[in-house]
Amino acid sequence: MPTERFDCGLAAARHVISGKWKPPILLALRTSGPTRFGQLRRELEGVTEKVLSQQLKEMEAHGLVVRTSYDEVPPRVEYSLTRSGQQLLMALRELSEWGDEHFGHLVGPERSVAARA
């Protein structure tokens, strides 16, 4: 993978978590520990096998996920978070808390009124 260059840390973080499924993958790996591909796919309702595989490869390349392959029959592969992935998940939780706190303000009054109805 070519070396990426970013203007700031936020741009680098955005690049690493870009993709609809990366934050949910981080959360699933945090709550499940080492997890097999099929189990992840079942937990992440709506994700395709192709997209899950692609996002896991990207996360592995960025050092967020480690892929452990066992020499067994049938072959077994497990994914787990690295220390860097755990740290990113903590940062995303803080961002999520901020979003929860400010959600009503961000969606605007017309959306808030519709949500109350």
PDB file of N, CA and C in Angstrom:
ATOM      1  N   MET A   1       0.845  -1.172   0.000  1.00  0.00           N
ATOM      2  CA  MET A   1       0.000   0.000   0.000  1.00  0.00           C
ATOM      3  C   MET A   1       0.894   1.240   0.000  1.00  0.00           C
ATOM      4  N   PRO A   2       0.659   2.189  -0.932  1.00  0.00           N
ATOM      5  CA  PRO A   2       1.488   3.381  -0.980  1.00  0.00           C
ATOM      6  C   PRO A   2       1.313   4.210   0.292  1.00  0.00           C
ATOM      7  N   THR A   3       2.368   4.959   0.644  1.00  0.00           N
ATOM      8  CA  THR A   3       2.303   5.812   1.813  1.00  0.00           C
ATOM      9  C   THR A   3       1.364   6.973   1.533  1.00  0.00           C
ATOM     10  N   GLU A   4       0.423   7.187   2.440  1.00  0.00           N
ATOM     11  CA  GLU A   4      -0.528   8.283   2.313  1.00  0.00           C
ATOM     12  C   GLU A   4       0.073   9.525   2.967  1.00  0.00           C
ATOM     13  N   ARG A   5      -0.273  10.691   2.455  1.00  0.00           N
ATOM     14  CA  ARG A   5       0.161  11.960   3.056  1.00  0.00           C
ATOM     15  C   ARG A   5      -1.083  12.777   3.400  1.00  0.00           C
ATOM     16  N   PHE A   6      -1.092  13.310   4.611  1.00  0.00           N
ATOM     17  CA  PHE A   6      -2.246  14.072   5.078  1.00  0.00           C
ATOM     18  C   PHE A   6      -1.797  15.406   5.650  1.00  0.00           C
ATOM     19  N   ASP A   7      -2.679  16.386   5.575  1.00  0.00           N
ATOM     20  CA  ASP A   7      -2.390  17.718   6.099  1.00  0.00           C
ATOM     21  C   ASP A   7      -2.482  17.774   7.618  1.00  0.00           C
ATOM     22  N   CYS A   8      -3.303  16.892   8.190  1.00  0.00           N
ATOM     23  CA  CYS A   8      -3.485  16.907   9.640  1.00  0.00           C
ATOM     24  C   CYS A   8      -3.929  15.518  10.117  1.00  0.00           C
ATOM     25  N   GLY A   9      -3.898  15.340  11.412  1.00  0.00           N
ATOM     26  CA  GLY A   9      -4.280  14.059  12.002  1.00  0.00           C
ATOM     27  C   GLY A   9      -5.732  13.705  11.750  1.00  0.00           C
ATOM     28  N   LEU A  10      -6.607  14.705  11.719  1.00  0.00           N
ATOM     29  CA  LEU A  10      -8.023  14.436  11.476  1.00  0.00           C
ATOM     30  C   LEU A  10      -8.233  13.861  10.078  1.00  0.00           C
ATOM     31  N   ALA A  11      -7.502  14.356   9.096  1.00  0.00           N
ATOM     32  CA  ALA A  11      -7.608  13.829   7.730  1.00  0.00           C
ATOM     33  C   ALA A  11      -7.153  12.375   7.691  1.00  0.00           C
ATOM     34  N   ALA A  12      -6.093  12.063   8.426  1.00  0.00           N
ATOM     35  CA  ALA A  12      -5.611  10.682   8.480  1.00  0.00           C
ATOM     36  C   ALA A  12      -6.647   9.782   9.140  1.00  0.00           C
ATOM     37  N   ALA A  13      -7.222  10.240  10.246  1.00  0.00           N
ATOM     38  CA  ALA A  13      -8.240   9.451  10.951  1.00  0.00           C
ATOM     39  C   ALA A  13      -9.465   9.232  10.071  1.00  0.00           C
ATOM     40  N   ARG A  14      -9.905  10.287   9.376  1.00  0.00           N
ATOM     41  CA  ARG A  14     -11.055  10.160   8.471  1.00  0.00           C
ATOM     42  C   ARG A  14     -10.784   9.134   7.383  1.00  0.00           C
ATOM     43  N   HIS A  15      -9.574   9.143   6.857  1.00  0.00           N
ATOM     44  CA  HIS A  15      -9.200   8.189   5.813  1.00  0.00           C
ATOM     45  C   HIS A  15      -9.284   6.749   6.337  1.00  0.00           C
ATOM     46  N   VAL A  16      -8.798   6.548   7.543  1.00  0.00           N
ATOM     47  CA  VAL A  16      -8.747   5.195   8.121  1.00  0.00           C
ATOM     48  C   VAL A  16     -10.141   4.663   8.441  1.00  0.00           C
ATOM     49  N   ILE A  17     -11.081   5.530   8.826  1.00  0.00           N
ATOM     50  CA  ILE A  17     -12.425   5.052   9.180  1.00  0.00           C
ATOM     51  C   ILE A  17     -13.442   5.245   8.063  1.00  0.00           C
ATOM     52  N   SER A  18     -12.979   5.738   6.899  1.00  0.00           N
ATOM     53  CA  SER A  18     -13.928   5.939   5.806  1.00  0.00           C
ATOM     54  C   SER A  18     -14.489   4.591   5.374  1.00  0.00           C
ATOM     55  N   GLY A  19     -15.748   4.581   5.104  1.00  0.00           N
ATOM     56  CA  GLY A  19     -16.433   3.351   4.736  1.00  0.00           C
ATOM     57  C   GLY A  19     -17.549   3.092   5.726  1.00  0.00           C
ATOM     58  N   LYS A  20     -18.686   2.765   5.211  1.00  0.00           N
ATOM     59  CA  LYS A  20     -19.883   2.581   6.029  1.00  0.00           C
ATOM     60  C   LYS A  20     -19.698   1.539   7.122  1.00  0.00           C
ATOM     61  N   TRP A  21     -18.911   0.508   6.869  1.00  0.00           N
ATOM     62  CA  TRP A  21     -18.871  -0.634   7.773  1.00  0.00           C
ATOM     63  C   TRP A  21     -17.698  -0.645   8.745  1.00  0.00           C
ATOM     64  N   LYS A  22     -16.739   0.238   8.593  1.00  0.00           N
ATOM     65  CA  LYS A  22     -15.560   0.180   9.471  1.00  0.00           C
ATOM     66  C   LYS A  22     -15.890   0.440  10.942  1.00  0.00           C
ATOM     67  N   PRO A  23     -16.633   1.497  11.283  1.00  0.00           N
ATOM     68  CA  PRO A  23     -16.979   1.655  12.700  1.00  0.00           C
ATOM     69  C   PRO A  23     -17.783   0.466  13.274  1.00  0.00           C
ATOM     70  N   PRO A  24     -18.785  -0.055  12.550  1.00  0.00           N
ATOM     71  CA  PRO A  24     -19.475  -1.229  13.086  1.00  0.00           C
ATOM     72  C   PRO A  24     -18.571  -2.464  13.216  1.00  0.00           C
ATOM     73  N   ILE A  25     -17.603  -2.617  12.322  1.00  0.00           N
ATOM     74  CA  ILE A  25     -16.651  -3.733  12.422  1.00  0.00           C
ATOM     75  C   ILE A  25     -15.819  -3.576  13.686  1.00  0.00           C
ATOM     76  N   LEU A  26     -15.322  -2.357  13.935  1.00  0.00           N
ATOM     77  CA  LEU A  26     -14.554  -2.102  15.151  1.00  0.00           C
ATOM     78  C   LEU A  26     -15.358  -2.476  16.388  1.00  0.00           C
ATOM     79  N   LEU A  27     -16.610  -2.054  16.425  1.00  0.00           N
ATOM     80  CA  LEU A  27     -17.464  -2.336  17.577  1.00  0.00           C
ATOM     81  C   LEU A  27     -17.719  -3.829  17.720  1.00  0.00           C
ATOM     82  N   ALA A  28     -17.979  -4.503  16.614  1.00  0.00           N
ATOM     83  CA  ALA A  28     -18.235  -5.951  16.664  1.00  0.00           C
ATOM     84  C   ALA A  28     -17.010  -6.702  17.174  1.00  0.00           C
ATOM     85  N   LEU A  29     -15.829  -6.296  16.741  1.00  0.00           N
ATOM     86  CA  LEU A  29     -14.609  -6.970  17.197  1.00  0.00           C
ATOM     87  C   LEU A  29     -14.330  -6.662  18.661  1.00  0.00           C
ATOM     88  N   ARG A  30     -14.711  -5.497  19.110  1.00  0.00           N
ATOM     89  CA  ARG A  30     -14.505  -5.127  20.513  1.00  0.00           C
ATOM     90  C   ARG A  30     -15.395  -5.966  21.425  1.00  0.00           C
ATOM     91  N   THR A  31     -16.625  -6.160  21.020  1.00  0.00           N
ATOM     92  CA  THR A  31     -17.567  -6.873  21.878  1.00  0.00           C
ATOM     93  C   THR A  31     -17.430  -8.388  21.769  1.00  0.00           C
ATOM     94  N   SER A  32     -16.919  -8.873  20.650  1.00  0.00           N
ATOM     95  CA  SER A  32     -16.845 -10.321  20.435  1.00  0.00           C
ATOM     96  C   SER A  32     -15.455 -10.900  20.657  1.00  0.00           C
ATOM     97  N   GLY A  33     -14.435 -10.068  20.719  1.00  0.00           N
ATOM     98  CA  GLY A  33     -13.068 -10.580  20.785  1.00  0.00           C
ATOM     99  C   GLY A  33     -12.694 -11.166  19.435  1.00  0.00           C
ATOM    100  N   PRO A  34     -11.716 -12.081  19.401  1.00  0.00           N
ATOM    101  CA  PRO A  34     -11.355 -12.702  18.119  1.00  0.00           C
ATOM    102  C   PRO A  34     -12.588 -13.320  17.462  1.00  0.00           C
ATOM    103  N   THR A  35     -12.826 -12.933  16.216  1.00  0.00           N
ATOM    104  CA  THR A  35     -14.073 -13.291  15.551  1.00  0.00           C
ATOM    105  C   THR A  35     -13.809 -13.825  14.158  1.00  0.00           C
ATOM    106  N   ARG A  36     -14.523 -14.874  13.808  1.00  0.00           N
ATOM    107  CA  ARG A  36     -14.414 -15.442  12.467  1.00  0.00           C
ATOM    108  C   ARG A  36     -15.212 -14.604  11.472  1.00  0.00           C
ATOM    109  N   PHE A  37     -14.825 -14.699  10.209  1.00  0.00           N
ATOM    110  CA  PHE A  37     -15.445 -13.917   9.144  1.00  0.00           C
ATOM    111  C   PHE A  37     -16.959 -14.136   9.103  1.00  0.00           C
ATOM    112  N   GLY A  38     -17.390 -15.377   9.126  1.00  0.00           N
ATOM    113  CA  GLY A  38     -18.817 -15.681   9.048  1.00  0.00           C
ATOM    114  C   GLY A  38     -19.604 -15.091  10.202  1.00  0.00           C
ATOM    115  N   GLN A  39     -19.018 -15.118  11.382  1.00  0.00           N
ATOM    116  CA  GLN A  39     -19.682 -14.539  12.549  1.00  0.00           C
ATOM    117  C   GLN A  39     -19.814 -13.023  12.385  1.00  0.00           C
ATOM    118  N   LEU A  40     -18.764 -12.386  11.897  1.00  0.00           N
ATOM    119  CA  LEU A  40     -18.832 -10.946  11.644  1.00  0.00           C
ATOM    120  C   LEU A  40     -19.933 -10.629  10.639  1.00  0.00           C
ATOM    121  N   ARG A  41     -19.999 -11.408   9.595  1.00  0.00           N
ATOM    122  CA  ARG A  41     -21.007 -11.159   8.554  1.00  0.00           C
ATOM    123  C   ARG A  41     -22.420 -11.285   9.117  1.00  0.00           C
ATOM    124  N   ARG A  42     -22.624 -12.257  10.013  1.00  0.00           N
ATOM    125  CA  ARG A  42     -23.946 -12.407  10.626  1.00  0.00           C
ATOM    126  C   ARG A  42     -24.266 -11.236  11.561  1.00  0.00           C
ATOM    127  N   GLU A  43     -23.267 -10.756  12.281  1.00  0.00           N
ATOM    128  CA  GLU A  43     -23.473  -9.653  13.222  1.00  0.00           C
ATOM    129  C   GLU A  43     -23.735  -8.334  12.513  1.00  0.00           C
ATOM    130  N   LEU A  44     -23.159  -8.159  11.341  1.00  0.00           N
ATOM    131  CA  LEU A  44     -23.284  -6.909  10.593  1.00  0.00           C
ATOM    132  C   LEU A  44     -24.343  -7.076   9.508  1.00  0.00           C
ATOM    133  N   GLU A  45     -25.574  -7.037   9.929  1.00  0.00           N
ATOM    134  CA  GLU A  45     -26.691  -7.272   9.030  1.00  0.00           C
ATOM    135  C   GLU A  45     -26.681  -6.279   7.867  1.00  0.00           C
ATOM    136  N   GLY A  46     -26.692  -6.800   6.655  1.00  0.00           N
ATOM    137  CA  GLY A  46     -26.732  -5.965   5.460  1.00  0.00           C
ATOM    138  C   GLY A  46     -25.410  -5.847   4.732  1.00  0.00           C
ATOM    139  N   VAL A  47     -24.298  -6.204   5.360  1.00  0.00           N
ATOM    140  CA  VAL A  47     -23.003  -6.111   4.695  1.00  0.00           C
ATOM    141  C   VAL A  47     -22.830  -7.294   3.751  1.00  0.00           C
ATOM    142  N   THR A  48     -22.266  -7.045   2.582  1.00  0.00           N
ATOM    143  CA  THR A  48     -21.998  -8.140   1.651  1.00  0.00           C
ATOM    144  C   THR A  48     -20.642  -8.755   1.983  1.00  0.00           C
ATOM    145  N   GLU A  49     -20.453  -9.976   1.539  1.00  0.00           N
ATOM    146  CA  GLU A  49     -19.183 -10.665   1.764  1.00  0.00           C
ATOM    147  C   GLU A  49     -18.024  -9.883   1.137  1.00  0.00           C
ATOM    148  N   LYS A  50     -18.245  -9.367  -0.068  1.00  0.00           N
ATOM    149  CA  LYS A  50     -17.210  -8.620  -0.782  1.00  0.00           C
ATOM    150  C   LYS A  50     -16.810  -7.360  -0.017  1.00  0.00           C
ATOM    151  N   VAL A  51     -17.778  -6.602   0.443  1.00  0.00           N
ATOM    152  CA  VAL A  51     -17.497  -5.352   1.151  1.00  0.00           C
ATOM    153  C   VAL A  51     -16.831  -5.640   2.494  1.00  0.00           C
ATOM    154  N   LEU A  52     -17.311  -6.628   3.217  1.00  0.00           N
ATOM    155  CA  LEU A  52     -16.709  -6.973   4.502  1.00  0.00           C
ATOM    156  C   LEU A  52     -15.254  -7.377   4.315  1.00  0.00           C
ATOM    157  N   SER A  53     -14.993  -8.210   3.322  1.00  0.00           N
ATOM    158  CA  SER A  53     -13.631  -8.644   3.043  1.00  0.00           C
ATOM    159  C   SER A  53     -12.741  -7.453   2.693  1.00  0.00           C
ATOM    160  N   GLN A  54     -13.242  -6.564   1.844  1.00  0.00           N
ATOM    161  CA  GLN A  54     -12.477  -5.390   1.424  1.00  0.00           C
ATOM    162  C   GLN A  54     -12.180  -4.482   2.615  1.00  0.00           C
ATOM    163  N   GLN A  55     -13.171  -4.224   3.442  1.00  0.00           N
ATOM    164  CA  GLN A  55     -12.981  -3.321   4.577  1.00  0.00           C
ATOM    165  C   GLN A  55     -12.034  -3.936   5.612  1.00  0.00           C
ATOM    166  N   LEU A  56     -12.120  -5.246   5.827  1.00  0.00           N
ATOM    167  CA  LEU A  56     -11.194  -5.900   6.749  1.00  0.00           C
ATOM    168  C   LEU A  56      -9.752  -5.820   6.234  1.00  0.00           C
ATOM    169  N   LYS A  57      -9.567  -5.996   4.934  1.00  0.00           N
ATOM    170  CA  LYS A  57      -8.217  -5.889   4.347  1.00  0.00           C
ATOM    171  C   LYS A  57      -7.658  -4.480   4.528  1.00  0.00           C
ATOM    172  N   GLU A  58      -8.492  -3.473   4.297  1.00  0.00           N
ATOM    173  CA  GLU A  58      -8.052  -2.095   4.483  1.00  0.00           C
ATOM    174  C   GLU A  58      -7.702  -1.829   5.942  1.00  0.00           C
ATOM    175  N   MET A  59      -8.533  -2.331   6.849  1.00  0.00           N
ATOM    176  CA  MET A  59      -8.293  -2.126   8.282  1.00  0.00           C
ATOM    177  C   MET A  59      -7.025  -2.851   8.730  1.00  0.00           C
ATOM    178  N   GLU A  60      -6.778  -4.007   8.144  1.00  0.00           N
ATOM    179  CA  GLU A  60      -5.542  -4.740   8.447  1.00  0.00           C
ATOM    180  C   GLU A  60      -4.326  -3.949   7.942  1.00  0.00           C
ATOM    181  N   ALA A  61      -4.431  -3.402   6.737  1.00  0.00           N
ATOM    182  CA  ALA A  61      -3.333  -2.622   6.159  1.00  0.00           C
ATOM    183  C   ALA A  61      -3.041  -1.360   6.978  1.00  0.00           C
ATOM    184  N   HIS A  62      -4.073  -0.816   7.614  1.00  0.00           N
ATOM    185  CA  HIS A  62      -3.899   0.386   8.437  1.00  0.00           C
ATOM    186  C   HIS A  62      -3.530   0.046   9.883  1.00  0.00           C
ATOM    187  N   GLY A  63      -3.378  -1.219  10.188  1.00  0.00           N
ATOM    188  CA  GLY A  63      -2.941  -1.609  11.528  1.00  0.00           C
ATOM    189  C   GLY A  63      -4.027  -1.592  12.583  1.00  0.00           C
ATOM    190  N   LEU A  64      -5.295  -1.627  12.172  1.00  0.00           N
ATOM    191  CA  LEU A  64      -6.401  -1.610  13.129  1.00  0.00           C
ATOM    192  C   LEU A  64      -6.841  -3.015  13.515  1.00  0.00           C
ATOM    193  N   VAL A  65      -6.644  -3.949  12.598  1.00  0.00           N
ATOM    194  CA  VAL A  65      -7.124  -5.319  12.756  1.00  0.00           C
ATOM    195  C   VAL A  65      -5.981  -6.278  12.459  1.00  0.00           C
ATOM    196  N   VAL A  66      -5.940  -7.361  13.196  1.00  0.00           N
ATOM    197  CA  VAL A  66      -4.978  -8.419  12.899  1.00  0.00           C
ATOM    198  C   VAL A  66      -5.765  -9.646  12.445  1.00  0.00           C
ATOM    199  N   ARG A  67      -5.267 -10.272  11.402  1.00  0.00           N
ATOM    200  CA  ARG A  67      -5.886 -11.482  10.838  1.00  0.00           C
ATOM    201  C   ARG A  67      -4.995 -12.650  11.225  1.00  0.00           C
ATOM    202  N   THR A  68      -5.583 -13.613  11.942  1.00  0.00           N
ATOM    203  CA  THR A  68      -4.839 -14.797  12.363  1.00  0.00           C
ATOM    204  C   THR A  68      -5.403 -16.005  11.635  1.00  0.00           C
ATOM    205  N   SER A  69      -4.529 -16.680  10.903  1.00  0.00           N
ATOM    206  CA  SER A  69      -4.922 -17.855  10.136  1.00  0.00           C
ATOM    207  C   SER A  69      -4.370 -19.100  10.827  1.00  0.00           C
ATOM    208  N   TYR A  70      -5.237 -20.072  11.057  1.00  0.00           N
ATOM    209  CA  TYR A  70      -4.847 -21.323  11.708  1.00  0.00           C
ATOM    210  C   TYR A  70      -4.735 -22.421  10.670  1.00  0.00           C
ATOM    211  N   ASP A  71      -3.694 -23.212  10.763  1.00  0.00           N
ATOM    212  CA  ASP A  71      -3.449 -24.300   9.821  1.00  0.00           C
ATOM    213  C   ASP A  71      -4.253 -25.525  10.270  1.00  0.00           C
ATOM    214  N   GLU A  72      -5.544 -25.486   9.956  1.00  0.00           N
ATOM    215  CA  GLU A  72      -6.464 -26.561  10.335  1.00  0.00           C
ATOM    216  C   GLU A  72      -7.297 -26.951   9.130  1.00  0.00           C
ATOM    217  N   VAL A  73      -7.985 -28.067   9.274  1.00  0.00           N
ATOM    218  CA  VAL A  73      -8.948 -28.488   8.256  1.00  0.00           C
ATOM    219  C   VAL A  73     -10.301 -28.583   8.936  1.00  0.00           C
ATOM    220  N   PRO A  74     -11.288 -27.794   8.519  1.00  0.00           N
ATOM    221  CA  PRO A  74     -11.218 -26.738   7.511  1.00  0.00           C
ATOM    222  C   PRO A  74     -10.418 -25.545   8.040  1.00  0.00           C
ATOM    223  N   PRO A  75      -9.888 -24.714   7.133  1.00  0.00           N
ATOM    224  CA  PRO A  75      -9.093 -23.564   7.556  1.00  0.00           C
ATOM    225  C   PRO A  75      -9.910 -22.629   8.449  1.00  0.00           C
ATOM    226  N   ARG A  76      -9.243 -22.037   9.411  1.00  0.00           N
ATOM    227  CA  ARG A  76      -9.918 -21.114  10.325  1.00  0.00           C
ATOM    228  C   ARG A  76      -9.140 -19.806  10.340  1.00  0.00           C
ATOM    229  N   VAL A  77      -9.870 -18.700  10.192  1.00  0.00           N
ATOM    230  CA  VAL A  77      -9.284 -17.361  10.222  1.00  0.00           C
ATOM    231  C   VAL A  77     -10.083 -16.547  11.228  1.00  0.00           C
ATOM    232  N   GLU A  78      -9.361 -15.815  12.072  1.00  0.00           N
ATOM    233  CA  GLU A  78     -10.008 -14.945  13.046  1.00  0.00           C
ATOM    234  C   GLU A  78      -9.460 -13.529  12.910  1.00  0.00           C
ATOM    235  N   TYR A  79     -10.317 -12.578  13.213  1.00  0.00           N
ATOM    236  CA  TYR A  79      -9.940 -11.168  13.197  1.00  0.00           C
ATOM    237  C   TYR A  79     -10.081 -10.622  14.605  1.00  0.00           C
ATOM    238  N   SER A  80      -9.133  -9.760  14.989  1.00  0.00           N
ATOM    239  CA  SER A  80      -9.221  -9.102  16.291  1.00  0.00           C
ATOM    240  C   SER A  80      -8.620  -7.707  16.173  1.00  0.00           C
ATOM    241  N   LEU A  81      -8.951  -6.859  17.144  1.00  0.00           N
ATOM    242  CA  LEU A  81      -8.449  -5.492  17.144  1.00  0.00           C
ATOM    243  C   LEU A  81      -7.013  -5.441  17.634  1.00  0.00           C
ATOM    244  N   THR A  82      -6.237  -4.570  17.028  1.00  0.00           N
ATOM    245  CA  THR A  82      -4.904  -4.263  17.528  1.00  0.00           C
ATOM    246  C   THR A  82      -5.062  -3.180  18.597  1.00  0.00           C
ATOM    247  N   ARG A  83      -3.980  -2.840  19.243  1.00  0.00           N
ATOM    248  CA  ARG A  83      -4.020  -1.753  20.229  1.00  0.00           C
ATOM    249  C   ARG A  83      -4.454  -0.453  19.550  1.00  0.00           C
ATOM    250  N   SER A  84      -3.959  -0.225  18.346  1.00  0.00           N
ATOM    251  CA  SER A  84      -4.332   0.967  17.587  1.00  0.00           C
ATOM    252  C   SER A  84      -5.834   0.971  17.279  1.00  0.00           C
ATOM    253  N   GLY A  85      -6.384  -0.185  16.927  1.00  0.00           N
ATOM    254  CA  GLY A  85      -7.813  -0.300  16.665  1.00  0.00           C
ATOM    255  C   GLY A  85      -8.638  -0.032  17.912  1.00  0.00           C
ATOM    256  N   GLN A  86      -8.166  -0.502  19.055  1.00  0.00           N
ATOM    257  CA  GLN A  86      -8.854  -0.251  20.326  1.00  0.00           C
ATOM    258  C   GLN A  86      -8.844   1.232  20.658  1.00  0.00           C
ATOM    259  N   GLN A  87      -7.711   1.895  20.418  1.00  0.00           N
ATOM    260  CA  GLN A  87      -7.617   3.330  20.683  1.00  0.00           C
ATOM    261  C   GLN A  87      -8.549   4.120  19.762  1.00  0.00           C
ATOM    262  N   LEU A  88      -8.620   3.722  18.496  1.00  0.00           N
ATOM    263  CA  LEU A  88      -9.521   4.394  17.560  1.00  0.00           C
ATOM    264  C   LEU A  88     -10.965   4.207  17.997  1.00  0.00           C
ATOM    265  N   LEU A  89     -11.319   3.026  18.447  1.00  0.00           N
ATOM    266  CA  LEU A  89     -12.676   2.769  18.909  1.00  0.00           C
ATOM    267  C   LEU A  89     -13.030   3.678  20.084  1.00  0.00           C
ATOM    268  N   MET A  90     -12.095   3.896  21.005  1.00  0.00           N
ATOM    269  CA  MET A  90     -12.348   4.807  22.133  1.00  0.00           C
ATOM    270  C   MET A  90     -12.594   6.231  21.627  1.00  0.00           C
ATOM    271  N   ALA A  91     -11.822   6.670  20.645  1.00  0.00           N
ATOM    272  CA  ALA A  91     -12.013   8.005  20.080  1.00  0.00           C
ATOM    273  C   ALA A  91     -13.372   8.112  19.388  1.00  0.00           C
ATOM    274  N   LEU A  92     -13.776   7.064  18.689  1.00  0.00           N
ATOM    275  CA  LEU A  92     -15.077   7.073  18.012  1.00  0.00           C
ATOM    276  C   LEU A  92     -16.223   7.101  19.014  1.00  0.00           C
ATOM    277  N   ARG A  93     -16.033   6.456  20.153  1.00  0.00           N
ATOM    278  CA  ARG A  93     -17.079   6.507  21.195  1.00  0.00           C
ATOM    279  C   ARG A  93     -17.269   7.924  21.698  1.00  0.00           C
ATOM    280  N   GLU A  94     -16.168   8.650  21.901  1.00  0.00           N
ATOM    281  CA  GLU A  94     -16.281  10.042  22.337  1.00  0.00           C
ATOM    282  C   GLU A  94     -16.980  10.876  21.277  1.00  0.00           C
ATOM    283  N   LEU A  95     -16.659  10.653  20.020  1.00  0.00           N
ATOM    284  CA  LEU A  95     -17.315  11.363  18.933  1.00  0.00           C
ATOM    285  C   LEU A  95     -18.804  11.022  18.893  1.00  0.00           C
ATOM    286  N   SER A  96     -19.131   9.770  19.122  1.00  0.00           N
ATOM    287  CA  SER A  96     -20.523   9.336  19.157  1.00  0.00           C
ATOM    288  C   SER A  96     -21.283  10.002  20.303  1.00  0.00           C
ATOM    289  N   GLU A  97     -20.637  10.109  21.461  1.00  0.00           N
ATOM    290  CA  GLU A  97     -21.266  10.783  22.600  1.00  0.00           C
ATOM    291  C   GLU A  97     -21.538  12.247  22.275  1.00  0.00           C
ATOM    292  N   TRP A  98     -20.594  12.893  21.594  1.00  0.00           N
ATOM    293  CA  TRP A  98     -20.799  14.271  21.174  1.00  0.00           C
ATOM    294  C   TRP A  98     -22.004  14.358  20.240  1.00  0.00           C
ATOM    295  N   GLY A  99     -22.085  13.440  19.290  1.00  0.00           N
ATOM    296  CA  GLY A  99     -23.215  13.427  18.355  1.00  0.00           C
ATOM    297  C   GLY A  99     -24.536  13.220  19.065  1.00  0.00           C
ATOM    298  N   ASP A 100     -24.561  12.311  20.052  1.00  0.00           N
ATOM    299  CA  ASP A 100     -25.783  12.088  20.822  1.00  0.00           C
ATOM    300  C   ASP A 100     -26.217  13.358  21.555  1.00  0.00           C
ATOM    301  N   GLU A 101     -25.241  14.062  22.101  1.00  0.00           N
ATOM    302  CA  GLU A 101     -25.532  15.270  22.863  1.00  0.00           C
ATOM    303  C   GLU A 101     -26.057  16.395  21.973  1.00  0.00           C
ATOM    304  N   HIS A 102     -25.573  16.453  20.737  1.00  0.00           N
ATOM    305  CA  HIS A 102     -25.922  17.562  19.852  1.00  0.00           C
ATOM    306  C   HIS A 102     -26.871  17.170  18.725  1.00  0.00           C
ATOM    307  N   PHE A 103     -27.360  15.953  18.725  1.00  0.00           N
ATOM    308  CA  PHE A 103     -28.177  15.463  17.614  1.00  0.00           C
ATOM    309  C   PHE A 103     -29.376  16.350  17.324  1.00  0.00           C
ATOM    310  N   GLY A 104     -30.121  16.716  18.344  1.00  0.00           N
ATOM    311  CA  GLY A 104     -31.319  17.530  18.140  1.00  0.00           C
ATOM    312  C   GLY A 104     -31.001  18.853  17.494  1.00  0.00           C
ATOM    313  N   HIS A 105     -29.923  19.466  17.898  1.00  0.00           N
ATOM    314  CA  HIS A 105     -29.510  20.747  17.333  1.00  0.00           C
ATOM    315  C   HIS A 105     -29.071  20.587  15.875  1.00  0.00           C
ATOM    316  N   LEU A 106     -28.412  19.488  15.568  1.00  0.00           N
ATOM    317  CA  LEU A 106     -27.855  19.291  14.234  1.00  0.00           C
ATOM    318  C   LEU A 106     -28.898  18.943  13.186  1.00  0.00           C
ATOM    319  N   VAL A 107     -29.979  18.271  13.578  1.00  0.00           N
ATOM    320  CA  VAL A 107     -30.970  17.863  12.584  1.00  0.00           C
ATOM    321  C   VAL A 107     -31.940  18.985  12.247  1.00  0.00           C
ATOM    322  N   GLY A 108     -31.993  20.026  13.057  1.00  0.00           N
ATOM    323  CA  GLY A 108     -32.852  21.164  12.772  1.00  0.00           C
ATOM    324  C   GLY A 108     -34.228  20.999  13.361  1.00  0.00           C
ATOM    325  N   PRO A 109     -34.934  22.092  13.556  1.00  0.00           N
ATOM    326  CA  PRO A 109     -36.239  22.050  14.220  1.00  0.00           C
ATOM    327  C   PRO A 109     -37.291  21.264  13.449  1.00  0.00           C
ATOM    328  N   GLU A 110     -37.277  21.351  12.110  1.00  0.00           N
ATOM    329  CA  GLU A 110     -38.299  20.625  11.344  1.00  0.00           C
ATOM    330  C   GLU A 110     -38.151  19.112  11.525  1.00  0.00           C
ATOM    331  N   ARG A 111     -36.943  18.630  11.624  1.00  0.00           N
ATOM    332  CA  ARG A 111     -36.707  17.207  11.827  1.00  0.00           C
ATOM    333  C   ARG A 111     -37.061  16.810  13.255  1.00  0.00           C
ATOM    334  N   SER A 112     -36.724  17.653  14.210  1.00  0.00           N
ATOM    335  CA  SER A 112     -37.020  17.353  15.618  1.00  0.00           C
ATOM    336  C   SER A 112     -38.523  17.263  15.843  1.00  0.00           C
ATOM    337  N   VAL A 113     -39.290  18.170  15.236  1.00  0.00           N
ATOM    338  CA  VAL A 113     -40.738  18.149  15.386  1.00  0.00           C
ATOM    339  C   VAL A 113     -41.301  16.874  14.773  1.00  0.00           C
ATOM    340  N   ALA A 114     -40.804  16.489  13.594  1.00  0.00           N
ATOM    341  CA  ALA A 114     -41.278  15.264  12.933  1.00  0.00           C
ATOM    342  C   ALA A 114     -40.948  14.043  13.770  1.00  0.00           C
ATOM    343  N   ALA A 115     -39.797  14.048  14.410  1.00  0.00           N
ATOM    344  CA  ALA A 115     -39.399  12.897  15.232  1.00  0.00           C
ATOM    345  C   ALA A 115     -40.288  12.762  16.461  1.00  0.00           C
ATOM    346  N   ARG A 116     -40.805  13.895  16.982  1.00  0.00           N
ATOM    347  CA  ARG A 116     -41.661  13.852  18.169  1.00  0.00           C
ATOM    348  C   ARG A 116     -43.066  13.397  17.841  1.00  0.00           C
ATOM    349  N   ALA A 117     -43.507  13.571  16.596  1.00  0.00           N
ATOM    350  CA  ALA A 117     -44.876  13.232  16.214  1.00  0.00           C
ATOM    351  C   ALA A 117     -45.144  11.761  16.193  1.00  0.00           C
TER     352      ALA A 117
END
